[in-house]
Amino acid sequence: MGETVAETEEQLKKYATLDLRLILGFLRDQVELQRRHADRIRERP
């Protein structure tokens, strides 16, 4: 797990804090959208 953390930290260094906040917001919105779509599909007869 140490290698994974180190690689992730190295990758994150490429982005400014504001960039990461934007990306995080986008990903959260997409997760919520996919959950709504999945719920709608499950409710179909």
Protein backbone atom coordinates (compact mmCIF):
# COMPACT_ATOMS: atom_id res chain seq x y z
CA MET A 1 0.00 0.00 0.00
CA GLY A 2 2.92 2.35 0.57
CA GLU A 3 3.80 2.36 -3.12
CA THR A 4 0.22 3.16 -4.12
CA VAL A 5 0.05 6.07 -1.70
CA ALA A 6 3.40 7.42 -2.89
CA GLU A 7 2.35 7.22 -6.54
CA THR A 8 -0.97 8.89 -5.81
CA GLU A 9 0.70 11.70 -3.88
CA GLU A 10 3.13 12.22 -6.75
CA GLN A 11 0.29 12.40 -9.24
CA LEU A 12 -1.68 14.85 -7.10
CA LYS A 13 1.30 17.20 -6.97
CA LYS A 14 0.62 18.03 -10.62
CA TYR A 15 -2.62 19.81 -9.71
CA ALA A 16 -3.34 23.00 -7.84
CA THR A 17 -5.78 22.85 -4.92
CA LEU A 18 -8.45 24.65 -6.94
CA ASP A 19 -8.04 22.14 -9.77
CA LEU A 20 -8.51 19.25 -7.37
CA ARG A 21 -11.61 20.87 -5.89
CA LEU A 22 -13.06 21.22 -9.38
CA ILE A 23 -12.27 17.61 -10.23
CA LEU A 24 -13.70 16.40 -6.92
CA GLY A 25 -16.91 18.36 -7.47
CA PHE A 26 -17.27 16.92 -10.94
CA LEU A 27 -16.72 13.36 -9.72
CA ARG A 28 -19.22 13.77 -6.89
CA ASP A 29 -21.82 15.10 -9.32
CA GLN A 30 -21.18 12.18 -11.68
CA VAL A 31 -21.49 9.60 -8.90
CA GLU A 32 -24.82 11.10 -7.86
CA LEU A 33 -26.04 11.14 -11.47
CA GLN A 34 -25.07 7.49 -11.98
CA ARG A 35 -26.84 6.52 -8.74
CA ARG A 36 -30.03 8.20 -9.94
CA HIS A 37 -29.78 6.42 -13.29
CA ALA A 38 -29.19 3.07 -11.57
CA ASP A 39 -32.17 3.64 -9.26
CA ARG A 40 -34.38 4.48 -12.22
CA ILE A 41 -33.25 1.34 -14.08
CA ARG A 42 -33.90 -0.84 -11.03
CA GLU A 43 -37.43 0.55 -10.71
CA ARG A 44 -38.38 -0.48 -14.26
CA PRO A 45 -40.65 -3.52 -14.52
